[in-house]
């Protein structure tokens, strides 16, 4: 049979497959999220996230301790209020609703405290309108103009966050977060959100969750020229872990395939609870 092109020619041998591979996953692409809690000597595994633990460092000392133990480790901090509030929402609540503008000053002060403690980058995850600008102005005014902002610009009101809220003990005590996080049905809104944060001074734009929103990630890659991050969230991690524990999938293979898919869609960096496992495999 005369075929003008046979794709299998370049698939027959492993060295040929490596030669024409379009996407590579590197340890430099990975960011490891950690949960820090008050107390001493605490190491608690999160029941819904096998292999992920909460670790204790008293008061606001986690950044300083990390810098002391691993001086070259870049530390990115999550700027939000949900873990500090009794109601579990990401801002100041007035009459049963999150007050956007009243929350901005609080977020800016939290980001400033992180920078003063030694954070290398701050990452607001609250989804308040205007928070990137508020944080940028506050950091600049206090001499932290070189601290980058990784904005959770495209954060969907997703059901995949369940295990994280278990880990962070931050589930809303009333209502939900749909009044400030994005509708999973919307794509054009993602472009608007990302564009606004770029205009406000964000240095990196994030999409969260990752795998259910690869179309959004790919679309943003063609629309904006800032670095893109994607967060493989707790529910994505837990699904792979649970299926692996049942013997239904090969955990290592599925983990790496999922990370490659996120990278292929356009992510420059990936936040994942698999970061340590993936790094050990990639380092071999």
C-alpha atoms as a PDB file:
ATOM      1  CA  UNK A   1       0.000   0.000   0.000  1.00  0.00           C
ATOM      2  CA  UNK A   2       1.347   3.400  -0.954  1.00  0.00           C
ATOM      3  CA  UNK A   3       0.789   5.885   1.867  1.00  0.00           C
ATOM      4  CA  UNK A   4       2.174   9.432   1.643  1.00  0.00           C
ATOM      5  CA  UNK A   5       2.976   9.425   5.355  1.00  0.00           C
ATOM      6  CA  UNK A   6       3.107   6.741   8.043  1.00  0.00           C
ATOM      7  CA  UNK A   7       2.953   8.250  11.557  1.00  0.00           C
ATOM      8  CA  UNK A   8       4.001   4.923  13.086  1.00  0.00           C
ATOM      9  CA  UNK A   9       7.477   5.229  11.582  1.00  0.00           C
ATOM     10  CA  UNK A  10       8.435   7.646  14.326  1.00  0.00           C
ATOM     11  CA  UNK A  11       6.635   5.686  17.042  1.00  0.00           C
ATOM     12  CA  UNK A  12       8.380   2.334  16.635  1.00  0.00           C
ATOM     13  CA  UNK A  13      11.442   3.096  18.756  1.00  0.00           C
ATOM     14  CA  UNK A  14      11.723   4.834  22.107  1.00  0.00           C
ATOM     15  CA  UNK A  15      14.627   7.023  20.979  1.00  0.00           C
ATOM     16  CA  UNK A  16      12.607   8.193  17.956  1.00  0.00           C
ATOM     17  CA  UNK A  17       9.641   8.964  20.206  1.00  0.00           C
ATOM     18  CA  UNK A  18      11.864  11.058  22.455  1.00  0.00           C
ATOM     19  CA  UNK A  19      13.357  12.789  19.418  1.00  0.00           C
ATOM     20  CA  UNK A  20       9.997  14.122  18.190  1.00  0.00           C
ATOM     21  CA  UNK A  21       8.312  14.600  21.583  1.00  0.00           C
ATOM     22  CA  UNK A  22       6.653  18.018  21.720  1.00  0.00           C
ATOM     23  CA  UNK A  23       6.156  18.421  25.469  1.00  0.00           C
ATOM     24  CA  UNK A  24       8.554  17.652  28.304  1.00  0.00           C
ATOM     25  CA  UNK A  25       7.817  17.743  32.015  1.00  0.00           C
ATOM     26  CA  UNK A  26      10.694  18.984  34.194  1.00  0.00           C
ATOM     27  CA  UNK A  27      11.175  19.275  37.930  1.00  0.00           C
ATOM     28  CA  UNK A  28      11.472  23.033  37.375  1.00  0.00           C
ATOM     29  CA  UNK A  29       7.819  23.030  36.248  1.00  0.00           C
ATOM     30  CA  UNK A  30       6.504  21.805  39.612  1.00  0.00           C
ATOM     31  CA  UNK A  31       5.313  23.711  42.687  1.00  0.00           C
ATOM     32  CA  UNK A  32       4.462  21.803  45.880  1.00  0.00           C
ATOM     33  CA  UNK A  33       1.546  23.121  47.991  1.00  0.00           C
ATOM     34  CA  UNK A  34       1.878  22.680  51.773  1.00  0.00           C
ATOM     35  CA  UNK A  35      -0.633  23.072  54.607  1.00  0.00           C
ATOM     36  CA  UNK A  36       0.737  24.799  57.706  1.00  0.00           C
ATOM     37  CA  UNK A  37      -1.241  24.729  60.976  1.00  0.00           C
ATOM     38  CA  UNK A  38      -0.717  26.121  64.505  1.00  0.00           C
ATOM     39  CA  UNK A  39       0.855  23.959  67.187  1.00  0.00           C
ATOM     40  CA  UNK A  40       4.040  22.015  67.812  1.00  0.00           C
ATOM     41  CA  UNK A  41       5.069  18.668  66.400  1.00  0.00           C
ATOM     42  CA  UNK A  42       1.903  18.342  64.322  1.00  0.00           C
ATOM     43  CA  UNK A  43       1.952  16.007  61.326  1.00  0.00           C
ATOM     44  CA  UNK A  44      -1.595  15.024  60.405  1.00  0.00           C
ATOM     45  CA  UNK A  45      -2.440  13.153  57.224  1.00  0.00           C
ATOM     46  CA  UNK A  46      -5.463  14.606  55.445  1.00  0.00           C
ATOM     47  CA  UNK A  47      -7.969  11.710  55.272  1.00  0.00           C
ATOM     48  CA  UNK A  48      -9.252  12.638  51.816  1.00  0.00           C
ATOM     49  CA  UNK A  49      -5.744  13.226  50.416  1.00  0.00           C
ATOM     50  CA  UNK A  50      -3.537  10.166  51.080  1.00  0.00           C
ATOM     51  CA  UNK A  51       0.115  11.130  51.406  1.00  0.00           C
ATOM     52  CA  UNK A  52      -0.624  14.809  52.116  1.00  0.00           C
ATOM     53  CA  UNK A  53      -0.144  16.124  55.667  1.00  0.00           C
ATOM     54  CA  UNK A  54      -0.686  19.257  57.701  1.00  0.00           C
ATOM     55  CA  UNK A  55       2.519  20.445  59.385  1.00  0.00           C
ATOM     56  CA  UNK A  56       2.808  22.813  62.331  1.00  0.00           C
ATOM     57  CA  UNK A  57       4.899  25.927  62.742  1.00  0.00           C
ATOM     58  CA  UNK A  58       3.887  28.226  65.591  1.00  0.00           C
ATOM     59  CA  UNK A  59       2.410  31.632  64.736  1.00  0.00           C
ATOM     60  CA  UNK A  60       3.432  33.307  61.460  1.00  0.00           C
ATOM     61  CA  UNK A  61       6.808  31.598  61.399  1.00  0.00           C
ATOM     62  CA  UNK A  62       6.484  29.128  58.533  1.00  0.00           C
ATOM     63  CA  UNK A  63       8.218  31.297  55.940  1.00  0.00           C
ATOM     64  CA  UNK A  64      11.086  32.195  58.264  1.00  0.00           C
ATOM     65  CA  UNK A  65      11.597  28.557  59.208  1.00  0.00           C
ATOM     66  CA  UNK A  66      11.606  27.456  55.567  1.00  0.00           C
ATOM     67  CA  UNK A  67      14.102  30.175  54.684  1.00  0.00           C
ATOM     68  CA  UNK A  68      16.286  29.205  57.616  1.00  0.00           C
ATOM     69  CA  UNK A  69      16.329  25.508  56.719  1.00  0.00           C
ATOM     70  CA  UNK A  70      16.423  25.863  52.903  1.00  0.00           C
ATOM     71  CA  UNK A  71      17.658  29.386  52.062  1.00  0.00           C
ATOM     72  CA  UNK A  72      17.442  28.927  48.279  1.00  0.00           C
ATOM     73  CA  UNK A  73      13.885  27.562  48.326  1.00  0.00           C
ATOM     74  CA  UNK A  74      11.463  29.966  46.583  1.00  0.00           C
ATOM     75  CA  UNK A  75       8.421  30.415  48.837  1.00  0.00           C
ATOM     76  CA  UNK A  76       5.057  31.393  47.354  1.00  0.00           C
ATOM     77  CA  UNK A  77       2.309  32.192  49.857  1.00  0.00           C
ATOM     78  CA  UNK A  78      -1.451  31.901  49.470  1.00  0.00           C
ATOM     79  CA  UNK A  79      -3.065  35.246  50.279  1.00  0.00           C
ATOM     80  CA  UNK A  80      -6.629  34.664  51.440  1.00  0.00           C
ATOM     81  CA  UNK A  81      -8.781  34.981  54.552  1.00  0.00           C
ATOM     82  CA  UNK A  82     -10.897  31.805  54.521  1.00  0.00           C
ATOM     83  CA  UNK A  83      -8.642  29.917  56.946  1.00  0.00           C
ATOM     84  CA  UNK A  84      -8.751  32.819  59.409  1.00  0.00           C
ATOM     85  CA  UNK A  85     -12.501  33.458  59.471  1.00  0.00           C
ATOM     86  CA  UNK A  86     -15.139  31.672  61.530  1.00  0.00           C
ATOM     87  CA  UNK A  87     -17.486  31.592  58.526  1.00  0.00           C
ATOM     88  CA  UNK A  88     -14.969  30.145  56.033  1.00  0.00           C
ATOM     89  CA  UNK A  89     -15.523  32.783  53.362  1.00  0.00           C
ATOM     90  CA  UNK A  90     -12.687  34.569  51.583  1.00  0.00           C
ATOM     91  CA  UNK A  91     -13.404  38.053  52.850  1.00  0.00           C
ATOM     92  CA  UNK A  92     -15.181  40.408  55.226  1.00  0.00           C
ATOM     93  CA  UNK A  93     -18.846  39.425  55.551  1.00  0.00           C
ATOM     94  CA  UNK A  94     -21.529  42.074  56.010  1.00  0.00           C
ATOM     95  CA  UNK A  95     -25.208  41.126  56.203  1.00  0.00           C
ATOM     96  CA  UNK A  96     -24.561  37.657  54.859  1.00  0.00           C
ATOM     97  CA  UNK A  97     -22.546  38.770  51.840  1.00  0.00           C
ATOM     98  CA  UNK A  98     -18.806  39.132  51.248  1.00  0.00           C
ATOM     99  CA  UNK A  99     -18.012  42.859  51.075  1.00  0.00           C
ATOM    100  CA  UNK A 100     -15.584  43.117  48.170  1.00  0.00           C
ATOM    101  CA  UNK A 101     -14.063  46.546  48.756  1.00  0.00           C
ATOM    102  CA  UNK A 102     -13.795  46.198  52.535  1.00  0.00           C
ATOM    103  CA  UNK A 103     -11.869  42.960  51.968  1.00  0.00           C
ATOM    104  CA  UNK A 104      -9.260  44.536  49.677  1.00  0.00           C
ATOM    105  CA  UNK A 105      -7.432  46.398  52.446  1.00  0.00           C
ATOM    106  CA  UNK A 106      -7.288  43.246  54.577  1.00  0.00           C
ATOM    107  CA  UNK A 107      -5.868  41.223  51.691  1.00  0.00           C
ATOM    108  CA  UNK A 108      -3.273  43.891  50.976  1.00  0.00           C
ATOM    109  CA  UNK A 109      -2.151  43.860  54.611  1.00  0.00           C
ATOM    110  CA  UNK A 110      -1.934  40.048  54.627  1.00  0.00           C
ATOM    111  CA  UNK A 111       0.189  40.119  51.461  1.00  0.00           C
ATOM    112  CA  UNK A 112       2.417  42.776  53.028  1.00  0.00           C
ATOM    113  CA  UNK A 113       2.891  40.663  56.172  1.00  0.00           C
ATOM    114  CA  UNK A 114       3.934  37.730  53.994  1.00  0.00           C
ATOM    115  CA  UNK A 115       6.469  39.854  52.130  1.00  0.00           C
ATOM    116  CA  UNK A 116       7.848  41.196  55.413  1.00  0.00           C
ATOM    117  CA  UNK A 117       8.195  37.601  56.664  1.00  0.00           C
ATOM    118  CA  UNK A 118      10.297  36.696  53.625  1.00  0.00           C
ATOM    119  CA  UNK A 119       7.890  35.408  50.972  1.00  0.00           C
ATOM    120  CA  UNK A 120       9.414  35.435  47.495  1.00  0.00           C
ATOM    121  CA  UNK A 121       6.020  35.706  45.773  1.00  0.00           C
ATOM    122  CA  UNK A 122       2.436  36.258  46.930  1.00  0.00           C
ATOM    123  CA  UNK A 123      -0.574  34.513  45.415  1.00  0.00           C
ATOM    124  CA  UNK A 124      -4.017  36.018  46.118  1.00  0.00           C
ATOM    125  CA  UNK A 125      -6.649  33.284  45.799  1.00  0.00           C
ATOM    126  CA  UNK A 126      -9.749  35.084  47.076  1.00  0.00           C
ATOM    127  CA  UNK A 127     -11.288  36.233  43.754  1.00  0.00           C
ATOM    128  CA  UNK A 128     -12.221  39.714  44.998  1.00  0.00           C
ATOM    129  CA  UNK A 129     -12.454  42.335  42.255  1.00  0.00           C
ATOM    130  CA  UNK A 130      -9.445  44.672  42.306  1.00  0.00           C
ATOM    131  CA  UNK A 131      -7.340  42.737  44.779  1.00  0.00           C
ATOM    132  CA  UNK A 132      -4.274  42.499  42.531  1.00  0.00           C
ATOM    133  CA  UNK A 133      -4.142  46.290  42.199  1.00  0.00           C
ATOM    134  CA  UNK A 134      -4.671  46.776  45.948  1.00  0.00           C
ATOM    135  CA  UNK A 135      -1.865  44.344  46.779  1.00  0.00           C
ATOM    136  CA  UNK A 136       0.476  45.739  44.123  1.00  0.00           C
ATOM    137  CA  UNK A 137       0.047  49.309  45.369  1.00  0.00           C
ATOM    138  CA  UNK A 138       0.578  48.316  49.011  1.00  0.00           C
ATOM    139  CA  UNK A 139       3.680  46.258  48.269  1.00  0.00           C
ATOM    140  CA  UNK A 140       5.148  49.044  46.131  1.00  0.00           C
ATOM    141  CA  UNK A 141       4.462  51.693  48.766  1.00  0.00           C
ATOM    142  CA  UNK A 142       6.291  49.621  51.409  1.00  0.00           C
ATOM    143  CA  UNK A 143       9.359  48.906  49.309  1.00  0.00           C
ATOM    144  CA  UNK A 144       8.410  45.455  48.005  1.00  0.00           C
ATOM    145  CA  UNK A 145       8.062  46.440  44.367  1.00  0.00           C
ATOM    146  CA  UNK A 146      10.157  43.414  43.331  1.00  0.00           C
ATOM    147  CA  UNK A 147       7.826  40.846  44.941  1.00  0.00           C
ATOM    148  CA  UNK A 148       5.831  39.219  42.102  1.00  0.00           C
ATOM    149  CA  UNK A 149       2.102  38.474  42.259  1.00  0.00           C
ATOM    150  CA  UNK A 150       0.848  35.084  41.106  1.00  0.00           C
ATOM    151  CA  UNK A 151      -2.852  35.749  40.649  1.00  0.00           C
ATOM    152  CA  UNK A 152      -5.526  33.094  40.973  1.00  0.00           C
ATOM    153  CA  UNK A 153      -7.177  34.999  38.135  1.00  0.00           C
ATOM    154  CA  UNK A 154      -9.281  32.171  36.720  1.00  0.00           C
ATOM    155  CA  UNK A 155     -10.578  30.286  39.733  1.00  0.00           C
ATOM    156  CA  UNK A 156     -13.764  28.361  39.181  1.00  0.00           C
ATOM    157  CA  UNK A 157     -16.396  27.547  41.819  1.00  0.00           C
ATOM    158  CA  UNK A 158     -15.466  23.903  41.501  1.00  0.00           C
ATOM    159  CA  UNK A 159     -16.601  20.737  43.219  1.00  0.00           C
ATOM    160  CA  UNK A 160     -13.025  19.471  42.917  1.00  0.00           C
ATOM    161  CA  UNK A 161     -11.954  21.547  45.959  1.00  0.00           C
ATOM    162  CA  UNK A 162     -13.598  19.260  48.526  1.00  0.00           C
ATOM    163  CA  UNK A 163     -10.489  17.532  49.933  1.00  0.00           C
ATOM    164  CA  UNK A 164      -8.623  20.869  50.128  1.00  0.00           C
ATOM    165  CA  UNK A 165     -11.320  22.364  52.321  1.00  0.00           C
ATOM    166  CA  UNK A 166     -10.973  19.317  54.534  1.00  0.00           C
ATOM    167  CA  UNK A 167      -7.209  19.894  54.711  1.00  0.00           C
ATOM    168  CA  UNK A 168      -7.407  23.655  55.253  1.00  0.00           C
ATOM    169  CA  UNK A 169     -10.505  23.418  57.470  1.00  0.00           C
ATOM    170  CA  UNK A 170     -11.972  26.266  55.426  1.00  0.00           C
ATOM    171  CA  UNK A 171     -15.349  25.059  54.153  1.00  0.00           C
ATOM    172  CA  UNK A 172     -17.946  27.888  54.176  1.00  0.00           C
ATOM    173  CA  UNK A 173     -20.227  27.727  57.211  1.00  0.00           C
ATOM    174  CA  UNK A 174     -23.101  29.206  55.205  1.00  0.00           C
ATOM    175  CA  UNK A 175     -23.858  29.486  51.512  1.00  0.00           C
ATOM    176  CA  UNK A 176     -21.093  28.875  48.993  1.00  0.00           C
ATOM    177  CA  UNK A 177     -18.468  30.821  47.037  1.00  0.00           C
ATOM    178  CA  UNK A 178     -20.339  31.122  43.760  1.00  0.00           C
ATOM    179  CA  UNK A 179     -20.886  34.849  44.262  1.00  0.00           C
ATOM    180  CA  UNK A 180     -17.162  35.502  43.800  1.00  0.00           C
ATOM    181  CA  UNK A 181     -15.622  32.416  42.163  1.00  0.00           C
ATOM    182  CA  UNK A 182     -16.302  31.747  38.480  1.00  0.00           C
ATOM    183  CA  UNK A 183     -19.153  29.770  36.942  1.00  0.00           C
ATOM    184  CA  UNK A 184     -17.745  26.493  35.515  1.00  0.00           C
ATOM    185  CA  UNK A 185     -19.895  27.042  32.408  1.00  0.00           C
ATOM    186  CA  UNK A 186     -18.084  30.243  31.381  1.00  0.00           C
ATOM    187  CA  UNK A 187     -15.067  30.588  29.088  1.00  0.00           C
ATOM    188  CA  UNK A 188     -15.159  34.184  27.824  1.00  0.00           C
ATOM    189  CA  UNK A 189     -15.303  35.355  31.429  1.00  0.00           C
ATOM    190  CA  UNK A 190     -11.928  33.680  31.987  1.00  0.00           C
ATOM    191  CA  UNK A 191     -10.371  35.936  29.354  1.00  0.00           C
ATOM    192  CA  UNK A 192     -11.899  39.007  31.000  1.00  0.00           C
ATOM    193  CA  UNK A 193     -10.701  37.982  34.467  1.00  0.00           C
ATOM    194  CA  UNK A 194      -7.167  37.265  33.275  1.00  0.00           C
ATOM    195  CA  UNK A 195      -6.981  40.496  31.274  1.00  0.00           C
ATOM    196  CA  UNK A 196      -8.123  42.553  34.264  1.00  0.00           C
ATOM    197  CA  UNK A 197      -5.461  41.030  36.505  1.00  0.00           C
ATOM    198  CA  UNK A 198      -2.764  41.620  33.899  1.00  0.00           C
ATOM    199  CA  UNK A 199      -3.815  45.280  33.761  1.00  0.00           C
ATOM    200  CA  UNK A 200      -3.740  45.490  37.576  1.00  0.00           C
ATOM    201  CA  UNK A 201      -0.143  44.275  37.734  1.00  0.00           C
ATOM    202  CA  UNK A 202      -0.175  40.482  38.014  1.00  0.00           C
ATOM    203  CA  UNK A 203       3.079  38.772  37.031  1.00  0.00           C
ATOM    204  CA  UNK A 204       1.711  35.233  36.591  1.00  0.00           C
ATOM    205  CA  UNK A 205      -1.848  34.116  35.809  1.00  0.00           C
ATOM    206  CA  UNK A 206      -3.292  30.909  37.238  1.00  0.00           C
ATOM    207  CA  UNK A 207      -6.104  28.588  36.142  1.00  0.00           C
ATOM    208  CA  UNK A 208      -7.710  26.484  38.876  1.00  0.00           C
ATOM    209  CA  UNK A 209      -8.623  23.582  38.681  1.00  0.00           C
ATOM    210  CA  UNK A 210      -6.433  22.238  35.897  1.00  0.00           C
ATOM    211  CA  UNK A 211      -7.617  19.074  34.116  1.00  0.00           C
ATOM    212  CA  UNK A 212     -11.328  19.998  33.842  1.00  0.00           C
ATOM    213  CA  UNK A 213     -10.290  23.369  32.370  1.00  0.00           C
ATOM    214  CA  UNK A 214      -7.551  22.530  29.878  1.00  0.00           C
ATOM    215  CA  UNK A 215      -9.577  24.323  27.195  1.00  0.00           C
ATOM    216  CA  UNK A 216      -9.395  27.510  29.260  1.00  0.00           C
ATOM    217  CA  UNK A 217      -5.671  27.089  29.784  1.00  0.00           C
ATOM    218  CA  UNK A 218      -5.088  26.622  26.051  1.00  0.00           C
ATOM    219  CA  UNK A 219      -7.258  29.611  25.234  1.00  0.00           C
ATOM    220  CA  UNK A 220      -5.427  31.861  27.673  1.00  0.00           C
ATOM    221  CA  UNK A 221      -2.108  30.734  26.222  1.00  0.00           C
ATOM    222  CA  UNK A 222      -3.145  32.271  22.902  1.00  0.00           C
ATOM    223  CA  UNK A 223      -4.585  35.423  24.500  1.00  0.00           C
ATOM    224  CA  UNK A 224      -1.981  36.599  27.023  1.00  0.00           C
ATOM    225  CA  UNK A 225       1.807  36.628  27.055  1.00  0.00           C
ATOM    226  CA  UNK A 226       2.438  36.372  30.804  1.00  0.00           C
ATOM    227  CA  UNK A 227       3.555  33.059  32.343  1.00  0.00           C
ATOM    228  CA  UNK A 228       0.647  30.706  33.041  1.00  0.00           C
ATOM    229  CA  UNK A 229       0.232  28.496  36.103  1.00  0.00           C
ATOM    230  CA  UNK A 230      -2.260  25.674  36.572  1.00  0.00           C
ATOM    231  CA  UNK A 231      -3.329  24.140  39.879  1.00  0.00           C
ATOM    232  CA  UNK A 232      -3.966  20.397  39.893  1.00  0.00           C
ATOM    233  CA  UNK A 233      -6.317  20.615  42.843  1.00  0.00           C
ATOM    234  CA  UNK A 234      -7.075  18.274  45.714  1.00  0.00           C
ATOM    235  CA  UNK A 235      -9.995  16.554  43.984  1.00  0.00           C
ATOM    236  CA  UNK A 236      -7.875  15.735  40.946  1.00  0.00           C
ATOM    237  CA  UNK A 237      -5.171  14.347  43.231  1.00  0.00           C
ATOM    238  CA  UNK A 238      -7.672  12.380  45.332  1.00  0.00           C
ATOM    239  CA  UNK A 239      -9.304  10.774  42.272  1.00  0.00           C
ATOM    240  CA  UNK A 240      -5.996   9.414  41.035  1.00  0.00           C
ATOM    241  CA  UNK A 241      -5.036   8.224  44.522  1.00  0.00           C
ATOM    242  CA  UNK A 242      -8.395   6.535  45.098  1.00  0.00           C
ATOM    243  CA  UNK A 243      -8.405   4.780  41.721  1.00  0.00           C
ATOM    244  CA  UNK A 244      -4.838   3.632  42.316  1.00  0.00           C
ATOM    245  CA  UNK A 245      -5.657   2.249  45.762  1.00  0.00           C
ATOM    246  CA  UNK A 246      -8.480   0.233  44.193  1.00  0.00           C
ATOM    247  CA  UNK A 247      -6.056  -1.150  41.624  1.00  0.00           C
ATOM    248  CA  UNK A 248      -7.956   0.425  38.739  1.00  0.00           C
ATOM    249  CA  UNK A 249      -5.117   2.573  37.378  1.00  0.00           C
ATOM    250  CA  UNK A 250      -1.331   2.755  37.501  1.00  0.00           C
ATOM    251  CA  UNK A 251      -0.801   5.735  39.817  1.00  0.00           C
ATOM    252  CA  UNK A 252       2.607   6.727  38.484  1.00  0.00           C
ATOM    253  CA  UNK A 253       1.576   6.500  34.836  1.00  0.00           C
ATOM    254  CA  UNK A 254      -1.692   8.398  35.324  1.00  0.00           C
ATOM    255  CA  UNK A 255       0.014  11.043  37.462  1.00  0.00           C
ATOM    256  CA  UNK A 256       2.652  11.744  34.816  1.00  0.00           C
ATOM    257  CA  UNK A 257       0.112  11.680  31.984  1.00  0.00           C
ATOM    258  CA  UNK A 258      -2.082  14.197  33.795  1.00  0.00           C
ATOM    259  CA  UNK A 259       0.861  16.539  34.392  1.00  0.00           C
ATOM    260  CA  UNK A 260       1.999  16.266  30.770  1.00  0.00           C
ATOM    261  CA  UNK A 261      -1.551  17.115  29.644  1.00  0.00           C
ATOM    262  CA  UNK A 262      -1.544  20.264  31.768  1.00  0.00           C
ATOM    263  CA  UNK A 263       1.855  21.288  30.440  1.00  0.00           C
ATOM    264  CA  UNK A 264       0.814  20.542  26.846  1.00  0.00           C
ATOM    265  CA  UNK A 265      -2.277  22.733  27.196  1.00  0.00           C
ATOM    266  CA  UNK A 266      -0.051  25.730  27.921  1.00  0.00           C
ATOM    267  CA  UNK A 267       0.984  25.780  31.582  1.00  0.00           C
ATOM    268  CA  UNK A 268       4.463  27.094  32.328  1.00  0.00           C
ATOM    269  CA  UNK A 269       4.240  25.814  35.906  1.00  0.00           C
ATOM    270  CA  UNK A 270       2.009  23.354  37.749  1.00  0.00           C
ATOM    271  CA  UNK A 271       0.962  23.392  41.393  1.00  0.00           C
ATOM    272  CA  UNK A 272       0.384  19.771  42.345  1.00  0.00           C
ATOM    273  CA  UNK A 273       0.348  17.581  45.438  1.00  0.00           C
ATOM    274  CA  UNK A 274       2.227  15.062  43.296  1.00  0.00           C
ATOM    275  CA  UNK A 275       5.202  17.444  42.994  1.00  0.00           C
ATOM    276  CA  UNK A 276       7.545  15.441  45.233  1.00  0.00           C
ATOM    277  CA  UNK A 277       6.626  12.095  43.680  1.00  0.00           C
ATOM    278  CA  UNK A 278       6.920  13.454  40.150  1.00  0.00           C
ATOM    279  CA  UNK A 279      10.242  15.141  40.906  1.00  0.00           C
ATOM    280  CA  UNK A 280      11.723  11.884  42.209  1.00  0.00           C
ATOM    281  CA  UNK A 281      10.676  10.069  39.030  1.00  0.00           C
ATOM    282  CA  UNK A 282      11.903  12.818  36.711  1.00  0.00           C
ATOM    283  CA  UNK A 283      15.244  12.997  38.522  1.00  0.00           C
ATOM    284  CA  UNK A 284      16.045   9.362  37.722  1.00  0.00           C
END
